[in-house]
C-alpha atoms as a PDB file:
ATOM      1  CA  MET A   1     -60.439  -4.256   8.711  1.00  0.00           C
ATOM      2  CA  PRO A   2     -57.201  -6.188   8.573  1.00  0.00           C
ATOM      3  CA  ASN A   3     -57.344  -9.952   8.230  1.00  0.00           C
ATOM      4  CA  MET A   4     -53.829 -11.003   9.199  1.00  0.00           C
ATOM      5  CA  LYS A   5     -52.697 -11.069  12.820  1.00  0.00           C
ATOM      6  CA  SER A   6     -49.677  -8.856  12.138  1.00  0.00           C
ATOM      7  CA  ALA A   7     -51.865  -6.291  10.367  1.00  0.00           C
ATOM      8  CA  LYS A   8     -54.250  -6.208  13.343  1.00  0.00           C
ATOM      9  CA  LYS A   9     -51.320  -5.623  15.707  1.00  0.00           C
ATOM     10  CA  ARG A  10     -50.001  -2.907  13.405  1.00  0.00           C
ATOM     11  CA  LEU A  11     -53.394  -1.183  13.436  1.00  0.00           C
ATOM     12  CA  ILE A  12     -53.356  -1.082  17.246  1.00  0.00           C
ATOM     13  CA  THR A  13     -49.770   0.173  17.523  1.00  0.00           C
ATOM     14  CA  SER A  14     -50.279   2.841  14.865  1.00  0.00           C
ATOM     15  CA  ALA A  15     -53.377   4.077  16.703  1.00  0.00           C
ATOM     16  CA  LYS A  16     -51.369   4.388  19.922  1.00  0.00           C
ATOM     17  CA  ALA A  17     -48.555   6.186  18.096  1.00  0.00           C
ATOM     18  CA  ARG A  18     -51.040   8.561  16.451  1.00  0.00           C
ATOM     19  CA  ILE A  19     -52.423   9.555  19.859  1.00  0.00           C
ATOM     20  CA  ARG A  20     -48.920   9.986  21.294  1.00  0.00           C
ATOM     21  CA  ASN A  21     -47.735  12.076  18.338  1.00  0.00           C
ATOM     22  CA  LYS A  22     -50.847  14.249  18.324  1.00  0.00           C
ATOM     23  CA  SER A  23     -50.422  14.944  22.021  1.00  0.00           C
ATOM     24  CA  ARG A  24     -46.780  15.869  21.551  1.00  0.00           C
ATOM     25  CA  ARG A  25     -47.510  18.172  18.597  1.00  0.00           C
ATOM     26  CA  THR A  26     -50.331  19.865  20.512  1.00  0.00           C
ATOM     27  CA  ALA A  27     -48.046  20.492  23.490  1.00  0.00           C
ATOM     28  CA  ILE A  28     -45.474  22.088  21.183  1.00  0.00           C
ATOM     29  CA  LYS A  29     -48.091  24.344  19.598  1.00  0.00           C
ATOM     30  CA  THR A  30     -49.475  25.401  22.986  1.00  0.00           C
ATOM     31  CA  THR A  31     -46.062  26.264  24.388  1.00  0.00           C
ATOM     32  CA  GLU A  32     -45.131  28.111  21.209  1.00  0.00           C
ATOM     33  CA  LYS A  33     -48.355  30.118  21.425  1.00  0.00           C
ATOM     34  CA  LYS A  34     -47.529  31.109  25.030  1.00  0.00           C
ATOM     35  CA  LEU A  35     -44.034  32.109  23.916  1.00  0.00           C
ATOM     36  CA  ARG A  36     -45.400  34.306  21.137  1.00  0.00           C
ATOM     37  CA  GLN A  37     -47.756  35.983  23.627  1.00  0.00           C
ATOM     38  CA  ALA A  38     -44.815  36.687  25.932  1.00  0.00           C
ATOM     39  CA  ILE A  39     -42.893  38.146  22.986  1.00  0.00           C
ATOM     40  CA  ASP A  40     -45.838  40.389  22.067  1.00  0.00           C
ATOM     41  CA  ALA A  41     -45.992  41.564  25.685  1.00  0.00           C
ATOM     42  CA  SER A  42     -42.204  42.240  25.599  1.00  0.00           C
ATOM     43  CA  ASP A  43     -41.679  40.033  28.664  1.00  0.00           C
ATOM     44  CA  LYS A  44     -38.091  38.938  28.039  1.00  0.00           C
ATOM     45  CA  ALA A  45     -37.687  36.862  31.230  1.00  0.00           C
ATOM     46  CA  GLN A  46     -40.788  34.788  30.578  1.00  0.00           C
ATOM     47  CA  ALA A  47     -39.941  34.491  26.882  1.00  0.00           C
ATOM     48  CA  VAL A  48     -36.493  33.079  27.644  1.00  0.00           C
ATOM     49  CA  GLU A  49     -37.996  30.569  30.067  1.00  0.00           C
ATOM     50  CA  LEU A  50     -40.644  29.481  27.563  1.00  0.00           C
ATOM     51  CA  LEU A  51     -38.023  29.291  24.812  1.00  0.00           C
ATOM     52  CA  LYS A  52     -36.162  26.649  26.844  1.00  0.00           C
ATOM     53  CA  SER A  53     -39.397  24.727  27.212  1.00  0.00           C
ATOM     54  CA  VAL A  54     -40.169  24.881  23.483  1.00  0.00           C
ATOM     55  CA  PHE A  55     -36.626  23.784  22.622  1.00  0.00           C
ATOM     56  CA  SER A  56     -36.948  20.852  24.986  1.00  0.00           C
ATOM     57  CA  LYS A  57     -40.273  19.761  23.525  1.00  0.00           C
ATOM     58  CA  LEU A  58     -38.976  20.087  19.959  1.00  0.00           C
ATOM     59  CA  ASP A  59     -35.848  18.079  20.727  1.00  0.00           C
ATOM     60  CA  LYS A  60     -37.907  15.347  22.359  1.00  0.00           C
ATOM     61  CA  ALA A  61     -40.277  15.232  19.368  1.00  0.00           C
ATOM     62  CA  VAL A  62     -37.321  14.843  17.003  1.00  0.00           C
ATOM     63  CA  LYS A  63     -35.802  12.147  19.184  1.00  0.00           C
ATOM     64  CA  VAL A  64     -38.927   9.995  18.982  1.00  0.00           C
ATOM     65  CA  ASN A  65     -39.592  10.790  15.279  1.00  0.00           C
ATOM     66  CA  THR A  66     -42.741  12.833  15.772  1.00  0.00           C
ATOM     67  CA  ILE A  67     -41.415  15.682  13.639  1.00  0.00           C
ATOM     68  CA  HIS A  68     -38.504  15.982  11.226  1.00  0.00           C
ATOM     69  CA  LYS A  69     -35.227  17.353  12.573  1.00  0.00           C
ATOM     70  CA  ASN A  70     -35.067  20.108   9.957  1.00  0.00           C
ATOM     71  CA  LYS A  71     -38.534  21.340  10.901  1.00  0.00           C
ATOM     72  CA  ALA A  72     -37.515  21.503  14.552  1.00  0.00           C
ATOM     73  CA  SER A  73     -34.298  23.290  13.654  1.00  0.00           C
ATOM     74  CA  ARG A  74     -36.186  25.830  11.545  1.00  0.00           C
ATOM     75  CA  LYS A  75     -38.701  26.488  14.323  1.00  0.00           C
ATOM     76  CA  LYS A  76     -35.939  26.876  16.908  1.00  0.00           C
ATOM     77  CA  ALA A  77     -34.039  29.357  14.741  1.00  0.00           C
ATOM     78  CA  ARG A  78     -37.115  31.469  14.059  1.00  0.00           C
ATOM     79  CA  LEU A  79     -38.232  31.522  17.689  1.00  0.00           C
ATOM     80  CA  GLN A  80     -34.716  32.352  18.890  1.00  0.00           C
ATOM     81  CA  LYS A  81     -34.633  35.253  16.426  1.00  0.00           C
ATOM     82  CA  LEU A  82     -37.955  36.564  17.767  1.00  0.00           C
ATOM     83  CA  VAL A  83     -36.842  36.337  21.402  1.00  0.00           C
ATOM     84  CA  SER A  84     -33.548  38.082  20.690  1.00  0.00           C
ATOM     85  CA  SER A  85     -35.438  40.929  18.975  1.00  0.00           C
ATOM     86  CA  ILE A  86     -37.149  41.893  22.252  1.00  0.00           C
ATOM     87  CA  ALA A  87     -35.727  45.210  23.450  1.00  0.00           C
END
């Protein structure tokens, strides 16, 4: 346990941030999983709609430093490539 007041405050804020970041990452994974299911089902309309949602969640995560911008960019490029491959 921390002894200094600032260290105690830091422990509390980092715990809150950990919960926030975990929630955000989980939401991204869930939406991405739904998108991949839509791609497997060849449902282009739903895939395009979910792609917008995934892009939005990734951009928000980058904005608040949950994930690195290059990781988000890589994910976006790969998902876009998958959606555009639907016949």
